[in-house]
Amino acid sequence: MATWQDFEQEAPDLAPAVRARFEANKHHVLATLRSDGSPRVSGIEVGFFGADVVLGSMHDAMKVRDLRRDARFALHSNPSDETLADGDSKLSGRAVELTDEAERAAYEAALPEPPPGPYDAFRLELEQVVHTTVEGDAVRISSWRPGEPVRRFERR
């Protein structure tokens, strides 16, 4: 597992494009696992705080319950439009709930405005980052895993 900062250090050419995709829109799509093992997709907001990517949610939402039970997640950036002009990014790994008072206070201090009510937040430990672009008739895929070089593929 790796932090966002680890990813930035290991893949400095890829990290800015991925971050730009998540910062281009407020809402993204989070996949979690329900108690019966089936997938659940939910809208989610994402932020970059220090070394981490953090998810914030209304307190005790179903996606929060899912992550508390099984921390595995997949997060898909909002692609904005059908052209994928700026690419399409995905993160996967495990979500770790922010429970430490100091960690929560730092998270709240970094927000543009305080949460409107009770909330839950998770920092993401990354297992894989994928960024896809479409250029002409080619689909270009860049994939990173902790401790490995970025792998690039092209499909036509």
Protein backbone atom coordinates (compact mmCIF):
# COMPACT_ATOMS: atom_id res chain seq x y z
CA MET A 1 0.00 0.00 0.00
CA ALA A 2 1.11 3.54 -0.64
CA THR A 3 0.07 7.09 0.19
CA TRP A 4 -0.63 9.68 -2.48
CA GLN A 5 2.78 11.17 -1.69
CA ASP A 6 4.42 7.80 -2.32
CA PHE A 7 2.68 7.67 -5.70
CA GLU A 8 3.84 11.20 -6.55
CA GLN A 9 7.44 10.26 -5.73
CA GLU A 10 7.38 6.96 -7.64
CA ALA A 11 5.44 8.21 -10.67
CA PRO A 12 6.16 11.96 -10.97
CA ASP A 13 5.18 12.05 -14.65
CA LEU A 14 1.81 10.36 -14.05
CA ALA A 15 0.66 11.84 -10.72
CA PRO A 16 -0.14 15.38 -11.98
CA ALA A 17 -2.49 14.08 -14.70
CA VAL A 18 -4.33 11.84 -12.23
CA ARG A 19 -4.64 14.59 -9.64
CA ALA A 20 -5.91 17.01 -12.28
CA ARG A 21 -8.72 14.57 -13.15
CA PHE A 22 -9.86 14.40 -9.53
CA GLU A 23 -9.56 18.15 -9.02
CA ALA A 24 -11.43 19.01 -12.24
CA ASN A 25 -14.82 18.00 -10.77
CA LYS A 26 -16.31 17.92 -7.30
CA HIS A 27 -18.09 14.56 -7.53
CA HIS A 28 -16.66 11.15 -8.42
CA VAL A 29 -17.80 7.51 -8.22
CA LEU A 30 -16.78 5.22 -5.36
CA ALA A 31 -17.23 1.45 -5.52
CA THR A 32 -17.46 -0.47 -2.25
CA LEU A 33 -18.58 -3.96 -1.26
CA ARG A 34 -21.94 -4.58 0.40
CA SER A 35 -22.25 -7.08 3.25
CA ASP A 36 -23.32 -9.79 0.77
CA GLY A 37 -20.22 -9.13 -1.37
CA SER A 38 -22.04 -7.41 -4.23
CA PRO A 39 -20.78 -4.05 -5.45
CA ARG A 40 -22.21 -0.67 -4.50
CA VAL A 41 -21.43 2.56 -6.37
CA SER A 42 -21.90 5.94 -4.72
CA GLY A 43 -21.12 9.55 -5.41
CA ILE A 44 -18.23 10.91 -3.34
CA GLU A 45 -16.09 14.01 -2.89
CA VAL A 46 -12.30 13.66 -2.90
CA GLY A 47 -9.61 15.92 -1.45
CA PHE A 48 -5.82 15.99 -1.33
CA PHE A 49 -4.47 16.68 2.16
CA GLY A 50 -0.75 16.48 2.84
CA ALA A 51 0.48 13.03 1.86
CA ASP A 52 -3.01 11.61 1.40
CA VAL A 53 -6.11 11.40 -0.75
CA VAL A 54 -9.15 11.65 1.52
CA LEU A 55 -12.82 10.80 1.05
CA GLY A 56 -15.47 12.64 3.03
CA SER A 57 -19.03 11.43 3.55
CA MET A 58 -22.19 12.10 5.50
CA HIS A 59 -22.00 10.30 8.84
CA ASP A 60 -22.82 6.60 8.74
CA ALA A 61 -23.79 6.50 5.04
CA MET A 62 -24.06 3.05 3.46
CA LYS A 63 -20.69 3.52 1.72
CA VAL A 64 -19.16 4.30 5.14
CA ARG A 65 -20.64 1.12 6.59
CA ASP A 66 -19.27 -0.80 3.61
CA LEU A 67 -15.74 0.60 4.11
CA ARG A 68 -15.81 -0.11 7.85
CA ARG A 69 -16.70 -3.74 7.13
CA ASP A 70 -14.40 -4.21 4.13
CA ALA A 71 -11.91 -1.43 3.41
CA ARG A 72 -11.42 -2.30 -0.27
CA PHE A 73 -12.48 0.40 -2.71
CA ALA A 74 -12.27 1.55 -6.31
CA LEU A 75 -12.59 5.24 -7.13
CA HIS A 76 -13.34 6.53 -10.62
CA SER A 77 -12.83 10.17 -11.56
CA ASN A 78 -15.67 12.06 -13.17
CA PRO A 79 -14.63 12.03 -16.85
CA SER A 80 -16.47 15.34 -17.59
CA ASP A 81 -17.45 14.50 -21.16
CA GLU A 82 -17.44 11.74 -23.73
CA THR A 83 -14.20 12.86 -25.39
CA LEU A 84 -12.03 12.00 -22.38
CA ALA A 85 -9.89 14.92 -23.54
CA ASP A 86 -8.07 15.11 -20.21
CA GLY A 87 -8.15 11.43 -19.53
CA ASP A 88 -9.89 9.17 -17.11
CA SER A 89 -8.38 8.11 -13.76
CA LYS A 90 -9.01 5.33 -11.28
CA LEU A 91 -7.59 4.57 -7.83
CA SER A 92 -7.97 1.32 -5.90
CA GLY A 93 -6.78 0.05 -2.56
CA ARG A 94 -7.96 0.24 1.04
CA ALA A 95 -9.66 3.06 2.93
CA VAL A 96 -8.55 3.85 6.49
CA GLU A 97 -11.00 5.80 8.63
CA LEU A 98 -9.80 9.03 10.20
CA THR A 99 -10.53 8.50 13.90
CA ASP A 100 -7.63 10.27 15.62
CA GLU A 101 -8.76 13.68 16.95
CA ALA A 102 -5.63 15.48 15.71
CA GLU A 103 -5.93 13.89 12.26
CA ARG A 104 -9.62 14.88 12.03
CA ALA A 105 -8.83 18.42 13.19
CA ALA A 106 -6.13 18.76 10.51
CA TYR A 107 -8.56 17.44 7.89
CA GLU A 108 -11.25 19.92 8.96
CA ALA A 109 -8.74 22.79 8.97
CA ALA A 110 -7.74 22.01 5.37
CA LEU A 111 -11.33 22.10 4.08
CA PRO A 112 -12.52 25.30 2.38
CA GLU A 113 -15.47 25.35 4.80
CA PRO A 114 -16.39 23.15 7.76
CA PRO A 115 -18.54 20.07 7.18
CA PRO A 116 -22.24 20.98 7.43
CA GLY A 117 -22.86 18.30 10.03
CA PRO A 118 -21.52 15.01 11.35
CA TYR A 119 -19.22 13.32 8.85
CA ASP A 120 -16.91 10.39 8.32
CA ALA A 121 -13.62 10.56 6.44
CA PHE A 122 -11.13 8.03 5.12
CA ARG A 123 -7.59 8.33 3.82
CA LEU A 124 -6.80 6.08 0.89
CA GLU A 125 -3.98 3.55 0.82
CA LEU A 126 -3.25 2.94 -2.84
CA GLU A 127 -2.72 -0.46 -4.49
CA GLN A 128 -3.13 0.73 -8.08
CA VAL A 129 -3.54 3.94 -10.07
CA VAL A 130 -4.67 3.88 -13.70
CA HIS A 131 -4.91 6.81 -16.12
CA THR A 132 -6.43 6.37 -19.58
CA THR A 133 -6.38 8.80 -22.49
CA VAL A 134 -7.81 8.67 -25.99
CA GLU A 135 -5.65 10.08 -28.77
CA GLY A 136 -7.04 9.65 -32.25
CA ASP A 137 -7.89 5.97 -32.63
CA ALA A 138 -5.53 4.93 -29.81
CA VAL A 139 -6.42 4.29 -26.18
CA ARG A 140 -3.37 4.84 -23.98
CA ILE A 141 -3.32 3.31 -20.51
CA SER A 142 -0.77 4.07 -17.80
CA SER A 143 -0.83 1.83 -14.72
CA TRP A 144 1.15 2.07 -11.47
CA ARG A 145 1.48 -0.17 -8.42
CA PRO A 146 3.62 0.57 -5.35
CA GLY A 147 7.29 -0.25 -5.85
CA GLU A 148 6.88 -0.86 -9.59
CA PRO A 149 7.58 1.37 -12.58
CA VAL A 150 4.68 2.84 -14.51
CA ARG A 151 3.51 0.42 -17.19
CA ARG A 152 2.11 1.84 -20.42
CA PHE A 153 -0.16 0.10 -22.93
CA GLU A 154 -1.75 1.19 -26.15
CA ARG A 155 -4.84 -0.28 -27.76
CA ARG A 156 -6.25 0.51 -31.19
